[in-house]
C-alpha atoms as a PDB file:
ATOM      1  CA  UNK A   1      15.687 157.662  44.603  1.00  0.00           C
ATOM      2  CA  UNK A   2      15.085 154.919  47.321  1.00  0.00           C
ATOM      3  CA  UNK A   3      18.141 153.780  49.339  1.00  0.00           C
ATOM      4  CA  UNK A   4      19.133 150.449  50.752  1.00  0.00           C
ATOM      5  CA  UNK A   5      19.694 149.967  54.470  1.00  0.00           C
ATOM      6  CA  UNK A   6      23.546 149.849  53.715  1.00  0.00           C
ATOM      7  CA  UNK A   7      23.163 153.010  51.832  1.00  0.00           C
ATOM      8  CA  UNK A   8      21.505 154.682  54.710  1.00  0.00           C
ATOM      9  CA  UNK A   9      24.049 153.461  56.991  1.00  0.00           C
ATOM     10  CA  UNK A  10      26.934 154.769  55.141  1.00  0.00           C
ATOM     11  CA  UNK A  11      25.501 158.159  54.709  1.00  0.00           C
ATOM     12  CA  UNK A  12      24.804 158.414  58.589  1.00  0.00           C
ATOM     13  CA  UNK A  13      28.290 157.221  59.352  1.00  0.00           C
ATOM     14  CA  UNK A  14      29.612 160.252  57.102  1.00  0.00           C
ATOM     15  CA  UNK A  15      27.612 162.599  58.863  1.00  0.00           C
ATOM     16  CA  UNK A  16      25.360 163.293  55.654  1.00  0.00           C
ATOM     17  CA  UNK A  17      21.793 163.984  56.496  1.00  0.00           C
ATOM     18  CA  UNK A  18      19.126 162.119  54.321  1.00  0.00           C
ATOM     19  CA  UNK A  19      16.154 164.474  53.289  1.00  0.00           C
ATOM     20  CA  UNK A  20      13.033 162.917  53.456  1.00  0.00           C
ATOM     21  CA  UNK A  21       9.982 164.537  51.268  1.00  0.00           C
ATOM     22  CA  UNK A  22       7.162 165.180  53.690  1.00  0.00           C
ATOM     23  CA  UNK A  23       3.631 166.333  53.025  1.00  0.00           C
ATOM     24  CA  UNK A  24       2.453 169.711  53.669  1.00  0.00           C
ATOM     25  CA  UNK A  25      -0.338 170.299  56.022  1.00  0.00           C
ATOM     26  CA  UNK A  26      -3.342 171.070  54.048  1.00  0.00           C
ATOM     27  CA  UNK A  27      -4.452 174.521  54.500  1.00  0.00           C
ATOM     28  CA  UNK A  28      -8.268 174.998  54.413  1.00  0.00           C
ATOM     29  CA  UNK A  29      -9.279 177.892  52.041  1.00  0.00           C
ATOM     30  CA  UNK A  30     -12.418 179.940  53.271  1.00  0.00           C
ATOM     31  CA  UNK A  31     -12.712 181.447  49.922  1.00  0.00           C
ATOM     32  CA  UNK A  32     -16.137 180.011  48.965  1.00  0.00           C
ATOM     33  CA  UNK A  33     -17.327 180.117  52.884  1.00  0.00           C
ATOM     34  CA  UNK A  34     -19.332 183.044  53.737  1.00  0.00           C
ATOM     35  CA  UNK A  35     -17.772 185.264  56.663  1.00  0.00           C
ATOM     36  CA  UNK A  36     -20.647 184.533  58.925  1.00  0.00           C
ATOM     37  CA  UNK A  37     -20.055 180.606  58.682  1.00  0.00           C
ATOM     38  CA  UNK A  38     -16.154 181.275  59.091  1.00  0.00           C
ATOM     39  CA  UNK A  39     -16.844 183.351  62.646  1.00  0.00           C
ATOM     40  CA  UNK A  40     -19.458 180.401  63.856  1.00  0.00           C
ATOM     41  CA  UNK A  41     -16.500 178.080  63.525  1.00  0.00           C
ATOM     42  CA  UNK A  42     -14.156 180.222  65.445  1.00  0.00           C
ATOM     43  CA  UNK A  43     -13.356 178.449  68.950  1.00  0.00           C
ATOM     44  CA  UNK A  44     -13.795 181.408  71.470  1.00  0.00           C
ATOM     45  CA  UNK A  45     -12.905 178.877  74.361  1.00  0.00           C
ATOM     46  CA  UNK A  46      -9.331 178.230  73.354  1.00  0.00           C
ATOM     47  CA  UNK A  47      -6.803 179.494  75.755  1.00  0.00           C
ATOM     48  CA  UNK A  48      -4.390 180.401  72.773  1.00  0.00           C
ATOM     49  CA  UNK A  49      -5.160 182.799  69.950  1.00  0.00           C
ATOM     50  CA  UNK A  50      -3.038 183.810  67.107  1.00  0.00           C
ATOM     51  CA  UNK A  51      -3.828 186.727  65.077  1.00  0.00           C
ATOM     52  CA  UNK A  52      -2.073 187.077  61.740  1.00  0.00           C
ATOM     53  CA  UNK A  53      -1.984 189.687  58.769  1.00  0.00           C
ATOM     54  CA  UNK A  54      -3.325 186.804  55.911  1.00  0.00           C
ATOM     55  CA  UNK A  55      -4.260 183.503  56.040  1.00  0.00           C
ATOM     56  CA  UNK A  56      -1.278 180.950  56.655  1.00  0.00           C
ATOM     57  CA  UNK A  57       0.361 178.926  54.236  1.00  0.00           C
ATOM     58  CA  UNK A  58       1.109 175.283  54.566  1.00  0.00           C
ATOM     59  CA  UNK A  59       4.805 176.219  55.329  1.00  0.00           C
ATOM     60  CA  UNK A  60       3.782 179.038  58.033  1.00  0.00           C
ATOM     61  CA  UNK A  61       1.287 176.619  59.480  1.00  0.00           C
ATOM     62  CA  UNK A  62       4.010 174.190  59.946  1.00  0.00           C
ATOM     63  CA  UNK A  63       6.110 176.747  61.625  1.00  0.00           C
ATOM     64  CA  UNK A  64       3.340 177.941  63.943  1.00  0.00           C
ATOM     65  CA  UNK A  65       2.752 174.082  64.794  1.00  0.00           C
ATOM     66  CA  UNK A  66       6.437 173.825  65.453  1.00  0.00           C
ATOM     67  CA  UNK A  67       6.382 176.792  67.672  1.00  0.00           C
ATOM     68  CA  UNK A  68       3.584 176.028  69.704  1.00  0.00           C
ATOM     69  CA  UNK A  69       4.717 172.580  69.977  1.00  0.00           C
ATOM     70  CA  UNK A  70       8.069 173.624  71.679  1.00  0.00           C
ATOM     71  CA  UNK A  71       5.938 174.596  74.574  1.00  0.00           C
ATOM     72  CA  UNK A  72       3.726 171.211  74.369  1.00  0.00           C
ATOM     73  CA  UNK A  73       0.650 172.895  72.756  1.00  0.00           C
ATOM     74  CA  UNK A  74      -0.997 171.423  70.221  1.00  0.00           C
ATOM     75  CA  UNK A  75      -2.124 173.596  67.174  1.00  0.00           C
ATOM     76  CA  UNK A  76      -5.719 171.986  67.940  1.00  0.00           C
ATOM     77  CA  UNK A  77      -5.913 174.107  71.317  1.00  0.00           C
ATOM     78  CA  UNK A  78      -4.984 177.471  69.209  1.00  0.00           C
ATOM     79  CA  UNK A  79      -7.507 179.628  67.462  1.00  0.00           C
ATOM     80  CA  UNK A  80      -5.694 180.901  64.585  1.00  0.00           C
ATOM     81  CA  UNK A  81      -7.448 184.023  62.777  1.00  0.00           C
ATOM     82  CA  UNK A  82      -6.205 186.551  59.992  1.00  0.00           C
ATOM     83  CA  UNK A  83      -7.159 190.148  60.113  1.00  0.00           C
ATOM     84  CA  UNK A  84     -10.398 189.737  58.185  1.00  0.00           C
ATOM     85  CA  UNK A  85     -11.951 188.464  61.584  1.00  0.00           C
ATOM     86  CA  UNK A  86     -10.736 190.993  63.987  1.00  0.00           C
ATOM     87  CA  UNK A  87     -14.314 192.421  64.573  1.00  0.00           C
ATOM     88  CA  UNK A  88     -14.610 189.049  66.697  1.00  0.00           C
ATOM     89  CA  UNK A  89     -11.857 189.718  69.135  1.00  0.00           C
ATOM     90  CA  UNK A  90     -14.311 190.798  71.532  1.00  0.00           C
ATOM     91  CA  UNK A  91     -15.771 187.393  71.797  1.00  0.00           C
ATOM     92  CA  UNK A  92     -12.694 186.009  73.730  1.00  0.00           C
ATOM     93  CA  UNK A  93     -12.501 186.046  77.279  1.00  0.00           C
ATOM     94  CA  UNK A  94      -9.734 188.135  78.647  1.00  0.00           C
ATOM     95  CA  UNK A  95      -9.484 185.932  81.809  1.00  0.00           C
ATOM     96  CA  UNK A  96      -8.992 182.502  79.904  1.00  0.00           C
ATOM     97  CA  UNK A  97      -7.326 183.786  76.644  1.00  0.00           C
ATOM     98  CA  UNK A  98      -3.952 185.199  75.677  1.00  0.00           C
ATOM     99  CA  UNK A  99      -2.941 186.121  72.271  1.00  0.00           C
ATOM    100  CA  UNK A 100       0.104 186.296  69.968  1.00  0.00           C
ATOM    101  CA  UNK A 101      -0.099 189.131  67.385  1.00  0.00           C
ATOM    102  CA  UNK A 102       2.135 188.222  64.550  1.00  0.00           C
ATOM    103  CA  UNK A 103       3.101 191.274  62.202  1.00  0.00           C
ATOM    104  CA  UNK A 104       4.394 194.924  63.021  1.00  0.00           C
ATOM    105  CA  UNK A 105       1.607 196.264  60.619  1.00  0.00           C
ATOM    106  CA  UNK A 106      -1.249 194.299  62.395  1.00  0.00           C
ATOM    107  CA  UNK A 107       0.018 195.456  65.731  1.00  0.00           C
ATOM    108  CA  UNK A 108      -0.695 198.981  64.730  1.00  0.00           C
ATOM    109  CA  UNK A 109      -4.188 198.243  63.619  1.00  0.00           C
ATOM    110  CA  UNK A 110      -4.963 196.546  66.724  1.00  0.00           C
ATOM    111  CA  UNK A 111      -4.051 199.408  69.044  1.00  0.00           C
ATOM    112  CA  UNK A 112      -1.995 197.148  71.181  1.00  0.00           C
ATOM    113  CA  UNK A 113      -1.094 199.254  74.149  1.00  0.00           C
ATOM    114  CA  UNK A 114       1.280 198.203  77.138  1.00  0.00           C
ATOM    115  CA  UNK A 115      -0.285 196.211  80.099  1.00  0.00           C
ATOM    116  CA  UNK A 116      -0.049 198.323  83.371  1.00  0.00           C
ATOM    117  CA  UNK A 117       1.086 195.437  85.578  1.00  0.00           C
ATOM    118  CA  UNK A 118       2.563 192.686  83.673  1.00  0.00           C
ATOM    119  CA  UNK A 119       5.003 192.508  81.219  1.00  0.00           C
ATOM    120  CA  UNK A 120       3.101 192.323  78.075  1.00  0.00           C
ATOM    121  CA  UNK A 121       0.514 194.337  76.108  1.00  0.00           C
ATOM    122  CA  UNK A 122      -3.073 194.163  75.707  1.00  0.00           C
ATOM    123  CA  UNK A 123      -5.778 194.710  73.186  1.00  0.00           C
ATOM    124  CA  UNK A 124      -8.790 197.087  73.497  1.00  0.00           C
ATOM    125  CA  UNK A 125     -10.966 194.463  75.230  1.00  0.00           C
ATOM    126  CA  UNK A 126      -8.015 193.919  77.943  1.00  0.00           C
ATOM    127  CA  UNK A 127      -7.130 190.384  76.198  1.00  0.00           C
ATOM    128  CA  UNK A 128      -3.500 189.978  77.199  1.00  0.00           C
ATOM    129  CA  UNK A 129      -1.115 189.758  74.160  1.00  0.00           C
ATOM    130  CA  UNK A 130       2.502 189.323  73.082  1.00  0.00           C
ATOM    131  CA  UNK A 131       3.720 190.493  69.720  1.00  0.00           C
ATOM    132  CA  UNK A 132       5.981 188.696  67.071  1.00  0.00           C
ATOM    133  CA  UNK A 133       7.182 189.371  63.785  1.00  0.00           C
ATOM    134  CA  UNK A 134       4.942 187.603  61.088  1.00  0.00           C
ATOM    135  CA  UNK A 135       5.721 183.884  60.097  1.00  0.00           C
ATOM    136  CA  UNK A 136       6.481 185.046  57.032  1.00  0.00           C
ATOM    137  CA  UNK A 137       9.174 187.157  58.316  1.00  0.00           C
ATOM    138  CA  UNK A 138      10.527 184.332  60.419  1.00  0.00           C
ATOM    139  CA  UNK A 139      11.028 182.159  57.421  1.00  0.00           C
ATOM    140  CA  UNK A 140      12.788 184.797  55.651  1.00  0.00           C
ATOM    141  CA  UNK A 141      15.253 185.688  58.614  1.00  0.00           C
ATOM    142  CA  UNK A 142      15.816 182.570  60.506  1.00  0.00           C
ATOM    143  CA  UNK A 143      17.976 184.465  63.204  1.00  0.00           C
ATOM    144  CA  UNK A 144      14.536 185.772  64.630  1.00  0.00           C
ATOM    145  CA  UNK A 145      13.376 182.232  65.592  1.00  0.00           C
ATOM    146  CA  UNK A 146      15.351 182.407  68.775  1.00  0.00           C
ATOM    147  CA  UNK A 147      13.583 185.791  69.906  1.00  0.00           C
ATOM    148  CA  UNK A 148      10.408 184.121  68.652  1.00  0.00           C
ATOM    149  CA  UNK A 149      11.174 181.333  70.853  1.00  0.00           C
ATOM    150  CA  UNK A 150      11.343 183.345  73.899  1.00  0.00           C
ATOM    151  CA  UNK A 151       8.135 185.013  73.044  1.00  0.00           C
ATOM    152  CA  UNK A 152       6.568 181.604  72.846  1.00  0.00           C
ATOM    153  CA  UNK A 153       7.878 180.736  76.468  1.00  0.00           C
ATOM    154  CA  UNK A 154       6.626 184.263  77.751  1.00  0.00           C
ATOM    155  CA  UNK A 155       3.193 183.516  76.111  1.00  0.00           C
ATOM    156  CA  UNK A 156       3.129 180.303  78.108  1.00  0.00           C
ATOM    157  CA  UNK A 157       4.247 181.635  81.283  1.00  0.00           C
ATOM    158  CA  UNK A 158       1.565 184.588  80.919  1.00  0.00           C
ATOM    159  CA  UNK A 159      -0.872 181.670  80.503  1.00  0.00           C
ATOM    160  CA  UNK A 160       0.064 179.898  83.409  1.00  0.00           C
ATOM    161  CA  UNK A 161      -0.268 183.134  85.394  1.00  0.00           C
ATOM    162  CA  UNK A 162      -3.812 183.638  84.276  1.00  0.00           C
ATOM    163  CA  UNK A 163      -4.498 179.947  85.142  1.00  0.00           C
ATOM    164  CA  UNK A 164      -3.357 180.636  89.048  1.00  0.00           C
END
């Protein structure tokens, strides 16, 4: 239903928010793409890496975009990969890239261990990483978003430390 300017004004004065339907980001499906083609499209030069259990849905993609947007990072500068491509983790530079692993099951599979000197973890190839709940869990339990926001802040600080 379309509203007139007067109706918008009246609703705003009453403190009633007006919801606007938005288009979900299109999530690319790589089902028809060969794995070698997907691996060739991964940007190993990005400073930011997110590893997830499954391919992201449109809602999860929007949440991830908002999380990184909160620290001024465009999702275009983030490499997002799911567990199907874990074999290429060794291609990322531990000197330039920090990782965010989302999902407790995935953490166990990746053999994440504590870092010797920093307050983070690291992967087998010494890639510094932080761990957070899966995006699905964040959507189901909104109270975890504050904790995740703190993790994202810590990720930004870790990346800044690597740049120095």
